[in-house]
Every structure is written in C-alpha cells, then in structure tokens.
Amino acid sequence: MALTKQLTVMLENRRGALAELCSKLAEKAVNILGLMVPDQPGVAPIRLAVDSHDAAKKVLDAMGVKYIEEDVVAVSVSDRPGALGKLTRKLADHNLDVKYCYGSIVKGVGKATIVLAVSDVQAAAKLLK
C-alpha cells in the first residue's frame, strides 16, 4: 500500500485526444500505472496514476492541459474473488468513504493494483499498511 499523487487531467472528449496525451507521456518515459477515462461528452476528467509525477506534470504543462493533483491510496490486492470486497469492507468498517476507485491487473501475476480516492487518505494509509 502506498500513498501517491494522482493527476486529474481535463481533456476534451474528441477522437485522438487520449492517444495524444498517452503518446506525449511516453515520449518522456512516463509510465501510466492506472487510468480512469469516463464516458462523458465535452471536457472530461481523466485520472492518471503515473510512475514519474514531476515528469508527467511537465508534459501536461507543455501541452497546455489543465490538471489538478490529489492524494490517493494505491493498494496491491490478490487476484481472487472477494479481495476487493475485503479491502472496501475494512475501509467502511472504519468509517472511511470510497469516493471512487479504478484498477489494473495483469493475468498470471496474481495481483491487482487498485487506486482509491477516500475520505481520509492518511487514515486509510494507516489502516491498510
């Protein structure tokens, strides 16, 4: 479990916009660890967890893309039925609300990474050690 920063990028929902963002990040060797893209017309909030936060911010600044930073919790859970339920139950039992979450998994590795925005990041970090 780790506290991390997430970037929420305000990106126009148009063909190629996401490809451009991802390509520009790749040019600077920024690896996307987690990504959430909503189905929303107009300008949409794209949430990114990356391995090089400062490099990603430089890319976004150079692109002229607006973004905000937010503290989130990144948790590694087993790739088994009930793992996410156990994690979120633990948060709920300690009066911590999940605002939203997203995840990624690689089959065969046995682990998934879940990024959670919660009501109290510090408390969640202590609880999920």
N, C-alpha and C. Protein backbone atom coordinates (compact mmCIF):
# COMPACT_ATOMS: atom_id res chain seq x y z
N MET A 1 0.85 -1.17 0.00
CA MET A 1 0.00 0.00 0.00
C MET A 1 0.89 1.22 0.00
N ALA A 2 0.46 2.22 -0.75
CA ALA A 2 1.25 3.44 -0.82
C ALA A 2 0.36 4.66 -1.03
N LEU A 3 0.71 5.71 -0.32
CA LEU A 3 0.12 7.00 -0.64
C LEU A 3 0.78 7.46 -1.93
N THR A 4 -0.01 8.01 -2.81
CA THR A 4 0.56 8.51 -4.06
C THR A 4 -0.25 9.71 -4.52
N LYS A 5 0.26 10.39 -5.49
CA LYS A 5 -0.44 11.52 -6.10
C LYS A 5 -1.07 11.04 -7.39
N GLN A 6 -2.24 11.54 -7.63
CA GLN A 6 -2.96 11.27 -8.87
C GLN A 6 -3.10 12.59 -9.60
N LEU A 7 -3.04 12.54 -10.90
CA LEU A 7 -3.30 13.72 -11.72
C LEU A 7 -4.66 13.55 -12.37
N THR A 8 -5.50 14.55 -12.22
CA THR A 8 -6.78 14.57 -12.92
C THR A 8 -6.65 15.62 -14.02
N VAL A 9 -6.66 15.14 -15.24
CA VAL A 9 -6.43 15.96 -16.42
C VAL A 9 -7.77 16.28 -17.06
N MET A 10 -8.01 17.54 -17.33
CA MET A 10 -9.23 17.93 -18.01
C MET A 10 -8.95 17.89 -19.51
N LEU A 11 -9.53 16.88 -20.16
CA LEU A 11 -9.22 16.60 -21.56
C LEU A 11 -10.49 16.62 -22.40
N GLU A 12 -10.40 17.27 -23.53
CA GLU A 12 -11.54 17.32 -24.44
C GLU A 12 -11.84 15.91 -24.96
N ASN A 13 -13.10 15.52 -24.91
CA ASN A 13 -13.50 14.21 -25.40
C ASN A 13 -13.67 14.28 -26.91
N ARG A 14 -12.55 14.05 -27.58
CA ARG A 14 -12.55 14.03 -29.05
C ARG A 14 -11.62 12.92 -29.51
N ARG A 15 -11.85 12.46 -30.70
CA ARG A 15 -11.03 11.38 -31.26
C ARG A 15 -9.56 11.79 -31.25
N GLY A 16 -8.71 10.93 -30.70
CA GLY A 16 -7.27 11.16 -30.70
C GLY A 16 -6.72 11.90 -29.49
N ALA A 17 -7.58 12.50 -28.68
CA ALA A 17 -7.09 13.28 -27.53
C ALA A 17 -6.36 12.39 -26.52
N LEU A 18 -6.92 11.24 -26.22
CA LEU A 18 -6.28 10.33 -25.28
C LEU A 18 -4.99 9.77 -25.87
N ALA A 19 -5.01 9.46 -27.15
CA ALA A 19 -3.81 8.96 -27.82
C ALA A 19 -2.69 9.99 -27.76
N GLU A 20 -3.03 11.25 -27.96
CA GLU A 20 -2.03 12.32 -27.90
C GLU A 20 -1.44 12.43 -26.49
N LEU A 21 -2.30 12.42 -25.49
CA LEU A 21 -1.84 12.51 -24.11
C LEU A 21 -0.91 11.34 -23.77
N CYS A 22 -1.33 10.14 -24.08
CA CYS A 22 -0.52 8.95 -23.77
C CYS A 22 0.80 8.95 -24.53
N SER A 23 0.77 9.39 -25.77
CA SER A 23 2.00 9.44 -26.58
C SER A 23 2.98 10.47 -26.04
N LYS A 24 2.48 11.62 -25.63
CA LYS A 24 3.36 12.67 -25.07
C LYS A 24 3.99 12.19 -23.76
N LEU A 25 3.22 11.50 -22.94
CA LEU A 25 3.77 10.95 -21.69
C LEU A 25 4.83 9.90 -22.02
N ALA A 26 4.58 9.07 -22.99
CA ALA A 26 5.53 8.02 -23.38
C ALA A 26 6.83 8.62 -23.89
N GLU A 27 6.75 9.72 -24.61
CA GLU A 27 7.96 10.38 -25.13
C GLU A 27 8.91 10.77 -24.00
N LYS A 28 8.38 11.03 -22.83
CA LYS A 28 9.20 11.41 -21.67
C LYS A 28 9.36 10.24 -20.70
N ALA A 29 9.06 9.04 -21.18
CA ALA A 29 9.22 7.79 -20.41
C ALA A 29 8.37 7.76 -19.14
N VAL A 30 7.21 8.40 -19.18
CA VAL A 30 6.27 8.35 -18.05
C VAL A 30 5.39 7.13 -18.25
N ASN A 31 5.41 6.23 -17.28
CA ASN A 31 4.60 5.02 -17.35
C ASN A 31 3.29 5.24 -16.61
N ILE A 32 2.19 4.91 -17.25
CA ILE A 32 0.87 5.03 -16.63
C ILE A 32 0.60 3.76 -15.85
N LEU A 33 0.41 3.91 -14.54
CA LEU A 33 0.17 2.77 -13.65
C LEU A 33 -1.32 2.46 -13.51
N GLY A 34 -2.13 3.48 -13.64
CA GLY A 34 -3.58 3.33 -13.54
C GLY A 34 -4.23 4.47 -14.29
N LEU A 35 -5.39 4.21 -14.86
CA LEU A 35 -6.06 5.19 -15.71
C LEU A 35 -7.56 5.01 -15.60
N MET A 36 -8.28 6.13 -15.48
CA MET A 36 -9.73 6.09 -15.49
C MET A 36 -10.23 7.14 -16.47
N VAL A 37 -10.95 6.69 -17.48
CA VAL A 37 -11.48 7.57 -18.52
C VAL A 37 -13.00 7.43 -18.52
N PRO A 38 -13.72 8.50 -18.19
CA PRO A 38 -15.18 8.40 -18.16
C PRO A 38 -15.79 8.55 -19.55
N ASP A 39 -16.99 8.06 -19.69
CA ASP A 39 -17.77 8.25 -20.90
C ASP A 39 -18.58 9.52 -20.69
N GLN A 40 -18.01 10.63 -21.11
CA GLN A 40 -18.61 11.93 -20.83
C GLN A 40 -18.36 12.87 -22.00
N PRO A 41 -19.39 13.53 -22.48
CA PRO A 41 -19.19 14.48 -23.59
C PRO A 41 -18.50 15.75 -23.12
N GLY A 42 -17.94 16.50 -24.05
CA GLY A 42 -17.28 17.76 -23.73
C GLY A 42 -15.90 17.52 -23.15
N VAL A 43 -15.60 18.24 -22.09
CA VAL A 43 -14.33 18.08 -21.40
C VAL A 43 -14.54 17.08 -20.25
N ALA A 44 -13.67 16.09 -20.19
CA ALA A 44 -13.84 15.01 -19.21
C ALA A 44 -12.60 14.91 -18.32
N PRO A 45 -12.82 14.54 -17.05
CA PRO A 45 -11.68 14.35 -16.14
C PRO A 45 -11.04 12.97 -16.32
N ILE A 46 -9.82 12.96 -16.80
CA ILE A 46 -9.05 11.72 -16.98
C ILE A 46 -8.15 11.58 -15.76
N ARG A 47 -8.30 10.52 -15.02
CA ARG A 47 -7.50 10.31 -13.81
C ARG A 47 -6.32 9.40 -14.13
N LEU A 48 -5.13 9.83 -13.70
CA LEU A 48 -3.90 9.11 -14.00
C LEU A 48 -3.06 8.91 -12.75
N ALA A 49 -2.62 7.69 -12.55
CA ALA A 49 -1.56 7.41 -11.58
C ALA A 49 -0.36 7.04 -12.43
N VAL A 50 0.76 7.72 -12.21
CA VAL A 50 1.95 7.53 -13.05
C VAL A 50 3.17 7.25 -12.19
N ASP A 51 4.21 6.74 -12.82
CA ASP A 51 5.43 6.43 -12.07
C ASP A 51 6.35 7.62 -11.88
N SER A 52 6.16 8.66 -12.67
CA SER A 52 7.01 9.85 -12.57
C SER A 52 6.11 11.09 -12.59
N HIS A 53 5.68 11.47 -11.40
CA HIS A 53 4.71 12.54 -11.24
C HIS A 53 5.24 13.88 -11.80
N ASP A 54 6.46 14.23 -11.44
CA ASP A 54 7.02 15.52 -11.88
C ASP A 54 7.17 15.58 -13.39
N ALA A 55 7.64 14.49 -13.99
CA ALA A 55 7.79 14.45 -15.46
C ALA A 55 6.42 14.58 -16.13
N ALA A 56 5.41 13.92 -15.58
CA ALA A 56 4.06 14.00 -16.15
C ALA A 56 3.52 15.43 -16.08
N LYS A 57 3.77 16.11 -14.97
CA LYS A 57 3.31 17.49 -14.84
C LYS A 57 3.99 18.39 -15.87
N LYS A 58 5.26 18.16 -16.14
CA LYS A 58 5.96 18.95 -17.17
C LYS A 58 5.34 18.72 -18.54
N VAL A 59 4.99 17.47 -18.83
CA VAL A 59 4.35 17.15 -20.11
C VAL A 59 3.01 17.88 -20.21
N LEU A 60 2.21 17.81 -19.17
CA LEU A 60 0.90 18.45 -19.18
C LEU A 60 1.02 19.96 -19.31
N ASP A 61 1.99 20.54 -18.59
CA ASP A 61 2.22 21.99 -18.70
C ASP A 61 2.60 22.36 -20.13
N ALA A 62 3.48 21.58 -20.75
CA ALA A 62 3.92 21.85 -22.12
C ALA A 62 2.75 21.73 -23.11
N MET A 63 1.82 20.82 -22.82
CA MET A 63 0.64 20.63 -23.69
C MET A 63 -0.41 21.71 -23.45
N GLY A 64 -0.28 22.45 -22.35
CA GLY A 64 -1.28 23.46 -22.01
C GLY A 64 -2.56 22.84 -21.48
N VAL A 65 -2.45 21.65 -20.92
CA VAL A 65 -3.62 20.92 -20.40
C VAL A 65 -3.79 21.24 -18.91
N LYS A 66 -5.01 21.55 -18.53
CA LYS A 66 -5.29 21.82 -17.12
C LYS A 66 -5.36 20.51 -16.35
N TYR A 67 -4.88 20.54 -15.11
CA TYR A 67 -4.93 19.35 -14.27
C TYR A 67 -4.92 19.76 -12.80
N ILE A 68 -5.33 18.83 -11.96
CA ILE A 68 -5.22 19.01 -10.51
C ILE A 68 -4.52 17.78 -9.94
N GLU A 69 -3.93 17.95 -8.77
CA GLU A 69 -3.27 16.86 -8.07
C GLU A 69 -4.12 16.47 -6.87
N GLU A 70 -4.13 15.19 -6.59
CA GLU A 70 -4.92 14.69 -5.46
C GLU A 70 -4.18 13.52 -4.83
N ASP A 71 -4.20 13.47 -3.50
CA ASP A 71 -3.64 12.31 -2.81
C ASP A 71 -4.61 11.15 -2.92
N VAL A 72 -4.08 9.99 -3.24
CA VAL A 72 -4.87 8.76 -3.31
C VAL A 72 -4.07 7.63 -2.68
N VAL A 73 -4.70 6.50 -2.53
CA VAL A 73 -4.07 5.31 -1.99
C VAL A 73 -3.98 4.28 -3.11
N ALA A 74 -2.81 3.71 -3.31
CA ALA A 74 -2.63 2.63 -4.29
C ALA A 74 -2.36 1.36 -3.51
N VAL A 75 -3.18 0.36 -3.73
CA VAL A 75 -3.12 -0.88 -2.96
C VAL A 75 -2.94 -2.06 -3.90
N SER A 76 -2.08 -2.96 -3.52
CA SER A 76 -1.92 -4.21 -4.26
C SER A 76 -2.77 -5.26 -3.56
N VAL A 77 -3.66 -5.88 -4.30
CA VAL A 77 -4.53 -6.92 -3.74
C VAL A 77 -4.37 -8.19 -4.56
N SER A 78 -4.70 -9.30 -3.95
CA SER A 78 -4.61 -10.58 -4.67
C SER A 78 -5.68 -10.64 -5.74
N ASP A 79 -5.39 -11.35 -6.80
CA ASP A 79 -6.32 -11.55 -7.91
C ASP A 79 -7.20 -12.74 -7.59
N ARG A 80 -8.10 -12.51 -6.62
CA ARG A 80 -9.01 -13.58 -6.20
C ARG A 80 -10.39 -12.98 -5.91
N PRO A 81 -11.43 -13.75 -6.10
CA PRO A 81 -12.76 -13.26 -5.75
C PRO A 81 -12.81 -12.85 -4.28
N GLY A 82 -13.35 -11.68 -4.03
CA GLY A 82 -13.52 -11.20 -2.66
C GLY A 82 -12.42 -10.30 -2.14
N ALA A 83 -11.29 -10.21 -2.85
CA ALA A 83 -10.18 -9.39 -2.36
C ALA A 83 -10.56 -7.91 -2.28
N LEU A 84 -11.21 -7.40 -3.30
CA LEU A 84 -11.62 -6.00 -3.28
C LEU A 84 -12.73 -5.78 -2.25
N GLY A 85 -13.63 -6.75 -2.12
CA GLY A 85 -14.68 -6.65 -1.12
C GLY A 85 -14.12 -6.58 0.29
N LYS A 86 -13.11 -7.38 0.57
CA LYS A 86 -12.46 -7.37 1.89
C LYS A 86 -11.81 -6.02 2.16
N LEU A 87 -11.14 -5.50 1.17
CA LEU A 87 -10.47 -4.20 1.30
C LEU A 87 -11.48 -3.08 1.55
N THR A 88 -12.52 -3.02 0.74
CA THR A 88 -13.51 -1.94 0.89
C THR A 88 -14.35 -2.12 2.15
N ARG A 89 -14.57 -3.36 2.59
CA ARG A 89 -15.27 -3.60 3.86
C ARG A 89 -14.46 -3.04 5.02
N LYS A 90 -13.15 -3.26 4.98
CA LYS A 90 -12.27 -2.75 6.04
C LYS A 90 -12.35 -1.23 6.11
N LEU A 91 -12.36 -0.57 4.97
CA LEU A 91 -12.49 0.89 4.94
C LEU A 91 -13.84 1.32 5.50
N ALA A 92 -14.91 0.67 5.05
CA ALA A 92 -16.26 1.02 5.51
C ALA A 92 -16.41 0.81 7.01
N ASP A 93 -15.85 -0.28 7.52
CA ASP A 93 -15.94 -0.57 8.96
C ASP A 93 -15.20 0.46 9.80
N HIS A 94 -14.31 1.22 9.19
CA HIS A 94 -13.58 2.27 9.89
C HIS A 94 -14.05 3.66 9.47
N ASN A 95 -15.29 3.71 8.96
CA ASN A 95 -15.94 4.97 8.58
C ASN A 95 -15.18 5.77 7.54
N LEU A 96 -14.53 5.07 6.62
CA LEU A 96 -13.83 5.73 5.52
C LEU A 96 -14.63 5.49 4.24
N ASP A 97 -14.96 6.58 3.57
CA ASP A 97 -15.75 6.50 2.35
C ASP A 97 -14.85 6.40 1.13
N VAL A 98 -15.23 5.56 0.18
CA VAL A 98 -14.55 5.48 -1.10
C VAL A 98 -15.30 6.43 -2.05
N LYS A 99 -14.60 7.46 -2.52
CA LYS A 99 -15.20 8.39 -3.47
C LYS A 99 -15.30 7.74 -4.85
N TYR A 100 -14.21 7.10 -5.25
CA TYR A 100 -14.16 6.34 -6.50
C TYR A 100 -12.89 5.51 -6.46
N CYS A 101 -12.81 4.54 -7.36
CA CYS A 101 -11.59 3.75 -7.47
C CYS A 101 -11.48 3.21 -8.89
N TYR A 102 -10.28 2.81 -9.22
CA TYR A 102 -10.03 2.16 -10.51
C TYR A 102 -8.84 1.23 -10.33
N GLY A 103 -8.70 0.30 -11.22
CA GLY A 103 -7.64 -0.67 -11.03
C GLY A 103 -7.07 -1.20 -12.32
N SER A 104 -6.02 -1.96 -12.14
CA SER A 104 -5.41 -2.64 -13.28
C SER A 104 -4.89 -3.98 -12.80
N ILE A 105 -4.87 -4.93 -13.72
CA ILE A 105 -4.46 -6.28 -13.37
C ILE A 105 -3.74 -6.89 -14.57
N VAL A 106 -2.77 -7.69 -14.27
CA VAL A 106 -2.08 -8.46 -15.30
C VAL A 106 -2.33 -9.93 -14.96
N LYS A 107 -3.04 -10.62 -15.80
CA LYS A 107 -3.33 -12.03 -15.55
C LYS A 107 -2.05 -12.83 -15.44
N GLY A 108 -2.05 -13.76 -14.53
CA GLY A 108 -0.90 -14.62 -14.33
C GLY A 108 0.06 -14.11 -13.27
N VAL A 109 -0.06 -12.85 -12.88
CA VAL A 109 0.81 -12.28 -11.85
C VAL A 109 0.22 -12.54 -10.45
N GLY A 110 -1.10 -12.62 -10.40
CA GLY A 110 -1.75 -12.91 -9.13
C GLY A 110 -2.05 -11.69 -8.29
N LYS A 111 -1.78 -10.51 -8.80
CA LYS A 111 -2.01 -9.27 -8.06
C LYS A 111 -2.71 -8.26 -8.96
N ALA A 112 -3.45 -7.38 -8.31
CA ALA A 112 -4.08 -6.25 -8.98
C ALA A 112 -3.69 -4.99 -8.22
N THR A 113 -3.59 -3.88 -8.92
CA THR A 113 -3.36 -2.60 -8.28
C THR A 113 -4.66 -1.83 -8.33
N ILE A 114 -5.10 -1.37 -7.16
CA ILE A 114 -6.33 -0.60 -7.05
C ILE A 114 -5.96 0.78 -6.54
N VAL A 115 -6.43 1.83 -7.22
CA VAL A 115 -6.22 3.20 -6.80
C VAL A 115 -7.54 3.69 -6.23
N LEU A 116 -7.49 4.19 -4.99
CA LEU A 116 -8.70 4.63 -4.30
C LEU A 116 -8.60 6.07 -3.85
N ALA A 117 -9.62 6.84 -4.15
CA ALA A 117 -9.77 8.17 -3.55
C ALA A 117 -10.72 7.96 -2.38
N VAL A 118 -10.27 8.30 -1.19
CA VAL A 118 -11.04 8.05 0.02
C VAL A 118 -11.22 9.33 0.82
N SER A 119 -12.15 9.29 1.75
CA SER A 119 -12.48 10.47 2.54
C SER A 119 -11.35 10.94 3.43
N ASP A 120 -10.48 10.05 3.87
CA ASP A 120 -9.34 10.41 4.72
C ASP A 120 -8.16 9.55 4.29
N VAL A 121 -7.31 10.11 3.44
CA VAL A 121 -6.20 9.36 2.87
C VAL A 121 -5.21 8.91 3.94
N GLN A 122 -4.92 9.76 4.90
CA GLN A 122 -3.96 9.42 5.95
C GLN A 122 -4.48 8.24 6.79
N ALA A 123 -5.74 8.29 7.16
CA ALA A 123 -6.33 7.20 7.96
C ALA A 123 -6.33 5.89 7.17
N ALA A 124 -6.66 5.98 5.88
CA ALA A 124 -6.67 4.78 5.04
C ALA A 124 -5.27 4.20 4.91
N ALA A 125 -4.28 5.06 4.80
CA ALA A 125 -2.89 4.59 4.68
C ALA A 125 -2.48 3.82 5.92
N LYS A 126 -2.83 4.32 7.09
CA LYS A 126 -2.50 3.62 8.34
C LYS A 126 -3.24 2.29 8.44
N LEU A 127 -4.51 2.30 8.07
CA LEU A 127 -5.35 1.12 8.17
C LEU A 127 -4.90 0.01 7.22
N LEU A 128 -4.45 0.36 6.05
CA LEU A 128 -4.16 -0.61 5.00
C LEU A 128 -2.67 -1.00 4.91
N LYS A 129 -1.90 -0.66 5.91
CA LYS A 129 -0.46 -1.00 5.90
C LYS A 129 -0.26 -2.47 5.69
